[in-house]
Amino acid sequence: MKLSTSLIVALLSGAAFASPLGIRNRIAKRTAAQVESDISTIESDLTTLDNGINSFTGSLIQGLGLITSTGTLDAADSATVAGDVTSLASQVVTVLSNAAAKASVVESAGFTSEVVSALNTLQGDANSFFAALEATIDSSVASDISSAAASVSSAFATTLADF
């Protein structure tokens, strides 16, 4: 029984490999020039990514230049950015709330001053970030950015008070 089952599977597999499916005929063959062009594009994109990674200092301030260099955004782009910033602000508020919940753990470990210092730095960076956005965003959604900034600022104040 096992031999006959194995033989049937082997025959069906052989038949499947032997039968033309026409897939090869439907796939356009690429020329060497197209492949070389794609490789060149990938290399260029990787170089750009690598340069960005190597020059990144981890500072929010570094990103502020990118925001302010865009000029004023139109209403559609501003609405998209405002939605993203609102989502980001919500995440920041959650992270700060979680950090505040660990204040006693941080205190018992003896790192309160380091955490407070880092939080103060991040609060200043966040304020600069929101100010840069408010200067860049279309006035039709400026209140969304202001509201997100106020939420984040309030969360920083609450978290710092817990430490």
N, C-alpha and C. Protein backbone atom coordinates (compact mmCIF):
# COMPACT_ATOMS: atom_id res chain seq x y z
N MET A 1 0.82 -1.19 0.00
CA MET A 1 0.00 0.00 0.00
C MET A 1 0.86 1.25 0.00
N LYS A 2 1.90 1.28 0.86
CA LYS A 2 2.77 2.45 0.92
C LYS A 2 3.50 2.64 -0.40
N LEU A 3 3.93 1.53 -1.02
CA LEU A 3 4.65 1.62 -2.28
C LEU A 3 3.76 2.19 -3.37
N SER A 4 2.51 1.75 -3.41
CA SER A 4 1.62 2.24 -4.46
C SER A 4 1.29 3.72 -4.25
N THR A 5 1.12 4.14 -3.01
CA THR A 5 0.86 5.55 -2.72
C THR A 5 2.06 6.41 -3.12
N SER A 6 3.25 5.95 -2.77
CA SER A 6 4.46 6.69 -3.13
C SER A 6 4.64 6.75 -4.63
N LEU A 7 4.32 5.65 -5.33
CA LEU A 7 4.45 5.61 -6.78
C LEU A 7 3.48 6.58 -7.43
N ILE A 8 2.25 6.64 -6.93
CA ILE A 8 1.26 7.56 -7.49
C ILE A 8 1.70 9.01 -7.28
N VAL A 9 2.18 9.32 -6.09
CA VAL A 9 2.66 10.68 -5.81
C VAL A 9 3.81 11.03 -6.73
N ALA A 10 4.74 10.12 -6.92
CA ALA A 10 5.89 10.37 -7.79
C ALA A 10 5.45 10.58 -9.22
N LEU A 11 4.51 9.78 -9.71
CA LEU A 11 4.03 9.93 -11.08
C LEU A 11 3.30 11.26 -11.28
N LEU A 12 2.46 11.62 -10.30
CA LEU A 12 1.74 12.89 -10.40
C LEU A 12 2.70 14.08 -10.33
N SER A 13 3.71 13.98 -9.50
CA SER A 13 4.71 15.05 -9.40
C SER A 13 5.45 15.19 -10.71
N GLY A 14 5.83 14.07 -11.30
CA GLY A 14 6.53 14.10 -12.58
C GLY A 14 5.67 14.70 -13.67
N ALA A 15 4.38 14.35 -13.65
CA ALA A 15 3.47 14.90 -14.65
C ALA A 15 3.30 16.41 -14.46
N ALA A 16 3.26 16.84 -13.23
CA ALA A 16 3.12 18.27 -12.96
C ALA A 16 4.32 19.06 -13.46
N PHE A 17 5.51 18.51 -13.25
CA PHE A 17 6.71 19.20 -13.72
C PHE A 17 6.82 19.15 -15.23
N ALA A 18 6.31 18.12 -15.85
CA ALA A 18 6.44 17.96 -17.30
C ALA A 18 5.42 18.77 -18.07
N SER A 19 4.29 19.09 -17.46
CA SER A 19 3.25 19.80 -18.20
C SER A 19 3.53 21.29 -18.25
N PRO A 20 3.41 21.88 -19.44
CA PRO A 20 3.63 23.33 -19.54
C PRO A 20 2.43 24.08 -18.98
N LEU A 21 2.71 25.06 -18.19
CA LEU A 21 1.64 25.88 -17.61
C LEU A 21 1.50 27.21 -18.32
N GLY A 22 2.41 27.52 -19.15
CA GLY A 22 2.34 28.77 -19.87
C GLY A 22 2.79 29.97 -19.05
N ILE A 23 3.25 29.74 -17.85
CA ILE A 23 3.67 30.86 -17.00
C ILE A 23 4.88 31.55 -17.59
N ARG A 24 5.78 30.75 -18.09
CA ARG A 24 6.99 31.35 -18.66
C ARG A 24 6.67 32.26 -19.83
N ASN A 25 5.63 31.91 -20.57
CA ASN A 25 5.26 32.73 -21.72
C ASN A 25 4.59 34.03 -21.30
N ARG A 26 3.97 34.04 -20.12
CA ARG A 26 3.28 35.24 -19.67
C ARG A 26 4.18 36.22 -18.94
N ILE A 27 5.32 35.78 -18.47
CA ILE A 27 6.24 36.66 -17.76
C ILE A 27 7.17 37.30 -18.78
N ALA A 28 7.18 38.62 -18.78
CA ALA A 28 8.04 39.35 -19.70
C ALA A 28 9.49 39.19 -19.27
N LYS A 29 10.31 38.90 -20.22
CA LYS A 29 11.73 38.78 -19.91
C LYS A 29 12.33 40.17 -19.85
N ARG A 30 13.20 40.35 -18.90
CA ARG A 30 13.85 41.63 -18.71
C ARG A 30 15.19 41.61 -19.43
N THR A 31 15.54 42.74 -19.93
CA THR A 31 16.84 42.85 -20.60
C THR A 31 17.91 43.11 -19.55
N ALA A 32 19.14 42.89 -19.96
CA ALA A 32 20.26 43.15 -19.06
C ALA A 32 20.29 44.63 -18.68
N ALA A 33 19.95 45.50 -19.61
CA ALA A 33 19.95 46.94 -19.33
C ALA A 33 18.92 47.29 -18.26
N GLN A 34 17.74 46.64 -18.31
CA GLN A 34 16.72 46.90 -17.29
C GLN A 34 17.17 46.43 -15.92
N VAL A 35 17.80 45.27 -15.88
CA VAL A 35 18.30 44.75 -14.61
C VAL A 35 19.39 45.67 -14.07
N GLU A 36 20.30 46.11 -14.94
CA GLU A 36 21.37 47.02 -14.51
C GLU A 36 20.78 48.33 -14.00
N SER A 37 19.76 48.84 -14.66
CA SER A 37 19.13 50.08 -14.23
C SER A 37 18.48 49.92 -12.86
N ASP A 38 17.79 48.80 -12.65
CA ASP A 38 17.16 48.54 -11.36
C ASP A 38 18.21 48.42 -10.25
N ILE A 39 19.30 47.74 -10.55
CA ILE A 39 20.38 47.61 -9.57
C ILE A 39 20.96 48.97 -9.23
N SER A 40 21.13 49.80 -10.24
CA SER A 40 21.66 51.15 -10.02
C SER A 40 20.71 51.97 -9.14
N THR A 41 19.42 51.85 -9.37
CA THR A 41 18.43 52.55 -8.56
C THR A 41 18.48 52.07 -7.11
N ILE A 42 18.58 50.76 -6.93
CA ILE A 42 18.66 50.21 -5.58
C ILE A 42 19.93 50.69 -4.88
N GLU A 43 21.05 50.69 -5.61
CA GLU A 43 22.30 51.17 -5.02
C GLU A 43 22.19 52.62 -4.59
N SER A 44 21.58 53.44 -5.43
CA SER A 44 21.41 54.86 -5.11
C SER A 44 20.53 55.04 -3.87
N ASP A 45 19.42 54.30 -3.83
CA ASP A 45 18.52 54.39 -2.67
C ASP A 45 19.21 53.92 -1.40
N LEU A 46 20.00 52.85 -1.50
CA LEU A 46 20.73 52.37 -0.33
C LEU A 46 21.78 53.37 0.14
N THR A 47 22.43 54.02 -0.81
CA THR A 47 23.42 55.04 -0.45
C THR A 47 22.75 56.19 0.29
N THR A 48 21.60 56.63 -0.21
CA THR A 48 20.86 57.70 0.45
C THR A 48 20.44 57.28 1.85
N LEU A 49 19.93 56.05 1.98
CA LEU A 49 19.53 55.54 3.29
C LEU A 49 20.73 55.45 4.22
N ASP A 50 21.85 54.93 3.72
CA ASP A 50 23.05 54.79 4.54
C ASP A 50 23.56 56.15 5.00
N ASN A 51 23.56 57.13 4.12
CA ASN A 51 24.00 58.48 4.50
C ASN A 51 23.10 59.05 5.58
N GLY A 52 21.81 58.84 5.45
CA GLY A 52 20.88 59.31 6.47
C GLY A 52 21.11 58.65 7.81
N ILE A 53 21.36 57.34 7.77
CA ILE A 53 21.62 56.60 9.01
C ILE A 53 22.91 57.08 9.65
N ASN A 54 23.95 57.23 8.84
CA ASN A 54 25.25 57.63 9.39
C ASN A 54 25.25 59.04 9.94
N SER A 55 24.44 59.92 9.36
CA SER A 55 24.44 61.30 9.84
C SER A 55 23.43 61.54 10.96
N PHE A 56 22.58 60.56 11.24
CA PHE A 56 21.56 60.74 12.27
C PHE A 56 22.20 60.72 13.65
N THR A 57 21.91 61.75 14.43
CA THR A 57 22.48 61.87 15.77
C THR A 57 21.52 61.41 16.85
N GLY A 58 20.28 61.15 16.46
CA GLY A 58 19.29 60.75 17.44
C GLY A 58 18.57 61.93 18.06
N SER A 59 18.90 63.11 17.61
CA SER A 59 18.32 64.31 18.18
C SER A 59 17.08 64.74 17.40
N LEU A 60 16.06 65.10 18.13
CA LEU A 60 14.86 65.63 17.50
C LEU A 60 15.17 66.95 16.82
N ILE A 61 16.11 67.68 17.36
CA ILE A 61 16.48 68.97 16.78
C ILE A 61 16.98 68.79 15.35
N GLN A 62 17.65 67.68 15.08
CA GLN A 62 18.13 67.42 13.73
C GLN A 62 16.96 67.35 12.76
N GLY A 63 15.85 66.79 13.21
CA GLY A 63 14.68 66.68 12.35
C GLY A 63 13.95 68.00 12.15
N LEU A 64 14.16 68.96 13.03
CA LEU A 64 13.46 70.24 12.90
C LEU A 64 13.86 70.98 11.64
N GLY A 65 15.12 70.87 11.26
CA GLY A 65 15.57 71.49 10.02
C GLY A 65 14.84 70.92 8.83
N LEU A 66 14.54 69.64 8.87
CA LEU A 66 13.80 69.01 7.78
C LEU A 66 12.38 69.53 7.72
N ILE A 67 11.78 69.77 8.87
CA ILE A 67 10.41 70.27 8.89
C ILE A 67 10.36 71.69 8.36
N THR A 68 11.22 72.54 8.89
CA THR A 68 11.16 73.95 8.50
C THR A 68 11.65 74.18 7.08
N SER A 69 12.44 73.27 6.53
CA SER A 69 12.94 73.47 5.18
C SER A 69 11.90 73.12 4.12
N THR A 70 10.76 72.56 4.52
CA THR A 70 9.75 72.19 3.54
C THR A 70 8.94 73.38 3.05
N GLY A 71 8.96 74.46 3.76
CA GLY A 71 8.10 75.58 3.41
C GLY A 71 6.70 75.27 3.91
N THR A 72 5.76 76.16 3.66
CA THR A 72 4.39 75.95 4.10
C THR A 72 3.75 74.85 3.27
N LEU A 73 3.09 73.92 3.95
CA LEU A 73 2.42 72.82 3.27
C LEU A 73 1.05 73.26 2.80
N ASP A 74 0.57 72.67 1.70
CA ASP A 74 -0.78 72.98 1.25
C ASP A 74 -1.80 72.31 2.17
N ALA A 75 -3.06 72.60 1.95
CA ALA A 75 -4.12 72.13 2.86
C ALA A 75 -4.19 70.60 2.91
N ALA A 76 -4.07 69.95 1.77
CA ALA A 76 -4.17 68.48 1.75
C ALA A 76 -3.01 67.84 2.50
N ASP A 77 -1.79 68.29 2.22
CA ASP A 77 -0.62 67.74 2.91
C ASP A 77 -0.67 68.08 4.40
N SER A 78 -1.14 69.27 4.71
CA SER A 78 -1.26 69.67 6.11
C SER A 78 -2.23 68.78 6.86
N ALA A 79 -3.34 68.43 6.22
CA ALA A 79 -4.32 67.55 6.86
C ALA A 79 -3.72 66.18 7.12
N THR A 80 -2.94 65.68 6.17
CA THR A 80 -2.28 64.38 6.35
C THR A 80 -1.29 64.44 7.50
N VAL A 81 -0.47 65.47 7.50
CA VAL A 81 0.53 65.63 8.57
C VAL A 81 -0.16 65.80 9.92
N ALA A 82 -1.22 66.58 9.95
CA ALA A 82 -1.95 66.80 11.21
C ALA A 82 -2.50 65.49 11.75
N GLY A 83 -3.01 64.65 10.88
CA GLY A 83 -3.50 63.34 11.31
C GLY A 83 -2.38 62.48 11.88
N ASP A 84 -1.23 62.50 11.20
CA ASP A 84 -0.08 61.75 11.69
C ASP A 84 0.41 62.27 13.03
N VAL A 85 0.43 63.59 13.17
CA VAL A 85 0.91 64.20 14.41
C VAL A 85 -0.06 63.92 15.55
N THR A 86 -1.34 63.91 15.27
CA THR A 86 -2.33 63.58 16.29
C THR A 86 -2.12 62.16 16.80
N SER A 87 -1.87 61.25 15.87
CA SER A 87 -1.58 59.86 16.25
C SER A 87 -0.28 59.76 17.04
N LEU A 88 0.73 60.48 16.59
CA LEU A 88 2.02 60.49 17.28
C LEU A 88 1.86 61.05 18.70
N ALA A 89 1.11 62.12 18.82
CA ALA A 89 0.91 62.74 20.14
C ALA A 89 0.23 61.76 21.09
N SER A 90 -0.73 61.01 20.57
CA SER A 90 -1.40 60.01 21.39
C SER A 90 -0.41 58.95 21.89
N GLN A 91 0.50 58.54 21.03
CA GLN A 91 1.52 57.57 21.43
C GLN A 91 2.46 58.16 22.47
N VAL A 92 2.84 59.41 22.29
CA VAL A 92 3.73 60.07 23.26
C VAL A 92 3.05 60.15 24.62
N VAL A 93 1.78 60.51 24.63
CA VAL A 93 1.04 60.60 25.89
C VAL A 93 1.00 59.24 26.58
N THR A 94 0.78 58.19 25.81
CA THR A 94 0.76 56.83 26.38
C THR A 94 2.12 56.46 26.96
N VAL A 95 3.18 56.75 26.22
CA VAL A 95 4.54 56.44 26.69
C VAL A 95 4.84 57.20 27.97
N LEU A 96 4.49 58.47 28.01
CA LEU A 96 4.74 59.26 29.21
C LEU A 96 3.92 58.75 30.40
N SER A 97 2.71 58.34 30.15
CA SER A 97 1.88 57.76 31.21
C SER A 97 2.51 56.47 31.74
N ASN A 98 3.01 55.65 30.83
CA ASN A 98 3.68 54.42 31.25
C ASN A 98 4.96 54.72 32.03
N ALA A 99 5.67 55.76 31.61
CA ALA A 99 6.89 56.16 32.33
C ALA A 99 6.54 56.64 33.73
N ALA A 100 5.48 57.42 33.85
CA ALA A 100 5.06 57.92 35.16
C ALA A 100 4.69 56.76 36.09
N ALA A 101 4.12 55.72 35.52
CA ALA A 101 3.75 54.55 36.33
C ALA A 101 4.98 53.84 36.90
N LYS A 102 6.12 54.06 36.29
CA LYS A 102 7.37 53.42 36.75
C LYS A 102 8.22 54.36 37.60
N ALA A 103 7.68 55.49 38.00
CA ALA A 103 8.46 56.47 38.77
C ALA A 103 9.04 55.87 40.04
N SER A 104 8.27 55.08 40.75
CA SER A 104 8.78 54.50 42.00
C SER A 104 9.90 53.49 41.73
N VAL A 105 9.80 52.77 40.63
CA VAL A 105 10.86 51.82 40.27
C VAL A 105 12.14 52.57 39.92
N VAL A 106 11.98 53.65 39.16
CA VAL A 106 13.14 54.48 38.78
C VAL A 106 13.77 55.08 40.03
N GLU A 107 12.92 55.56 40.94
CA GLU A 107 13.43 56.16 42.18
C GLU A 107 14.19 55.13 43.01
N SER A 108 13.65 53.94 43.14
CA SER A 108 14.33 52.92 43.95
C SER A 108 15.64 52.46 43.30
N ALA A 109 15.74 52.61 41.99
CA ALA A 109 16.98 52.26 41.30
C ALA A 109 17.99 53.40 41.36
N GLY A 110 17.55 54.59 41.79
CA GLY A 110 18.46 55.72 41.93
C GLY A 110 18.69 56.50 40.65
N PHE A 111 17.75 56.43 39.70
CA PHE A 111 17.94 57.12 38.43
C PHE A 111 16.98 58.28 38.21
N THR A 112 16.37 58.77 39.26
CA THR A 112 15.37 59.83 39.11
C THR A 112 15.94 61.06 38.43
N SER A 113 17.10 61.52 38.85
CA SER A 113 17.64 62.75 38.27
C SER A 113 17.95 62.58 36.79
N GLU A 114 18.44 61.40 36.41
CA GLU A 114 18.74 61.15 34.99
C GLU A 114 17.46 61.14 34.15
N VAL A 115 16.42 60.51 34.68
CA VAL A 115 15.16 60.44 33.95
C VAL A 115 14.53 61.82 33.85
N VAL A 116 14.54 62.57 34.94
CA VAL A 116 13.98 63.93 34.92
C VAL A 116 14.74 64.80 33.93
N SER A 117 16.05 64.69 33.91
CA SER A 117 16.86 65.45 32.96
C SER A 117 16.49 65.08 31.52
N ALA A 118 16.37 63.79 31.26
CA ALA A 118 16.00 63.34 29.91
C ALA A 118 14.60 63.81 29.54
N LEU A 119 13.67 63.74 30.48
CA LEU A 119 12.31 64.20 30.21
C LEU A 119 12.27 65.69 29.93
N ASN A 120 13.04 66.48 30.67
CA ASN A 120 13.09 67.92 30.42
C ASN A 120 13.65 68.21 29.03
N THR A 121 14.69 67.48 28.65
CA THR A 121 15.26 67.66 27.30
C THR A 121 14.24 67.29 26.24
N LEU A 122 13.58 66.15 26.42
CA LEU A 122 12.58 65.71 25.45
C LEU A 122 11.40 66.67 25.39
N GLN A 123 11.03 67.25 26.53
CA GLN A 123 9.93 68.22 26.53
C GLN A 123 10.30 69.44 25.70
N GLY A 124 11.52 69.93 25.87
CA GLY A 124 11.97 71.06 25.06
C GLY A 124 12.02 70.72 23.58
N ASP A 125 12.50 69.51 23.27
CA ASP A 125 12.54 69.08 21.87
C ASP A 125 11.13 68.97 21.29
N ALA A 126 10.21 68.43 22.08
CA ALA A 126 8.82 68.30 21.62
C ALA A 126 8.20 69.68 21.38
N ASN A 127 8.47 70.62 22.27
CA ASN A 127 7.96 71.98 22.08
C ASN A 127 8.50 72.59 20.79
N SER A 128 9.78 72.40 20.53
CA SER A 128 10.39 72.92 19.30
C SER A 128 9.79 72.24 18.07
N PHE A 129 9.56 70.94 18.18
CA PHE A 129 8.95 70.17 17.09
C PHE A 129 7.58 70.72 16.74
N PHE A 130 6.75 70.91 17.76
CA PHE A 130 5.40 71.41 17.52
C PHE A 130 5.43 72.85 17.00
N ALA A 131 6.34 73.66 17.50
CA ALA A 131 6.46 75.04 17.01
C ALA A 131 6.85 75.05 15.54
N ALA A 132 7.77 74.18 15.15
CA ALA A 132 8.18 74.10 13.75
C ALA A 132 7.01 73.63 12.88
N LEU A 133 6.24 72.68 13.38
CA LEU A 133 5.08 72.21 12.63
C LEU A 133 4.03 73.31 12.48
N GLU A 134 3.79 74.03 13.57
CA GLU A 134 2.79 75.10 13.51
C GLU A 134 3.19 76.18 12.51
N ALA A 135 4.48 76.40 12.34
CA ALA A 135 4.95 77.39 11.38
C ALA A 135 4.89 76.86 9.95
N THR A 136 4.81 75.55 9.78
CA THR A 136 4.86 74.93 8.46
C THR A 136 3.48 74.53 7.95
N ILE A 137 2.58 74.26 8.85
CA ILE A 137 1.28 73.69 8.52
C ILE A 137 0.32 74.76 8.00
N ASP A 138 -0.62 74.36 7.18
CA ASP A 138 -1.65 75.26 6.68
C ASP A 138 -2.55 75.68 7.85
N SER A 139 -2.99 76.91 7.83
CA SER A 139 -3.77 77.44 8.95
C SER A 139 -5.08 76.69 9.18
N SER A 140 -5.57 75.98 8.16
CA SER A 140 -6.84 75.26 8.31
C SER A 140 -6.76 74.11 9.31
N VAL A 141 -5.55 73.61 9.58
CA VAL A 141 -5.40 72.51 10.54
C VAL A 141 -4.45 72.86 11.68
N ALA A 142 -4.11 74.13 11.80
CA ALA A 142 -3.18 74.56 12.85
C ALA A 142 -3.72 74.24 14.24
N SER A 143 -5.03 74.30 14.40
CA SER A 143 -5.61 74.00 15.72
C SER A 143 -5.40 72.53 16.10
N ASP A 144 -5.34 71.64 15.11
CA ASP A 144 -5.06 70.22 15.40
C ASP A 144 -3.66 70.05 15.97
N ILE A 145 -2.70 70.78 15.39
CA ILE A 145 -1.32 70.71 15.87
C ILE A 145 -1.24 71.32 17.27
N SER A 146 -1.92 72.44 17.47
CA SER A 146 -1.93 73.08 18.80
C SER A 146 -2.53 72.17 19.85
N SER A 147 -3.59 71.47 19.49
CA SER A 147 -4.24 70.55 20.42
C SER A 147 -3.32 69.37 20.75
N ALA A 148 -2.64 68.84 19.75
CA ALA A 148 -1.69 67.75 19.98
C ALA A 148 -0.55 68.22 20.87
N ALA A 149 -0.06 69.43 20.60
CA ALA A 149 1.03 70.00 21.40
C ALA A 149 0.59 70.18 22.86
N ALA A 150 -0.63 70.64 23.06
CA ALA A 150 -1.14 70.83 24.42
C ALA A 150 -1.27 69.50 25.15
N SER A 151 -1.71 68.46 24.46
CA SER A 151 -1.82 67.13 25.08
C SER A 151 -0.46 66.61 25.50
N VAL A 152 0.51 66.77 24.63
CA VAL A 152 1.87 66.29 24.93
C VAL A 152 2.46 67.11 26.07
N SER A 153 2.28 68.42 26.03
CA SER A 153 2.81 69.28 27.09
C SER A 153 2.20 68.92 28.44
N SER A 154 0.91 68.68 28.47
CA SER A 154 0.23 68.29 29.70
C SER A 154 0.76 66.94 30.21
N ALA A 155 0.98 66.01 29.30
CA ALA A 155 1.50 64.70 29.69
C ALA A 155 2.91 64.81 30.25
N PHE A 156 3.73 65.68 29.65
CA PHE A 156 5.07 65.90 30.20
C PHE A 156 4.98 66.47 31.61
N ALA A 157 4.10 67.46 31.80
CA ALA A 157 3.96 68.08 33.12
C ALA A 157 3.53 67.05 34.17
N THR A 158 2.58 66.22 33.82
CA THR A 158 2.10 65.18 34.75
C THR A 158 3.21 64.18 35.06
N THR A 159 3.91 63.75 34.03
CA THR A 159 4.98 62.77 34.23
C THR A 159 6.11 63.35 35.07
N LEU A 160 6.51 64.58 34.76
CA LEU A 160 7.58 65.21 35.55
C LEU A 160 7.15 65.39 37.00
N ALA A 161 5.88 65.70 37.23
CA ALA A 161 5.40 65.85 38.61
C ALA A 161 5.46 64.53 39.37
N ASP A 162 5.27 63.43 38.67
CA ASP A 162 5.34 62.11 39.31
C ASP A 162 6.76 61.73 39.69
N PHE A 163 7.73 62.31 39.01
CA PHE A 163 9.12 62.02 39.34
C PHE A 163 9.62 63.01 40.38
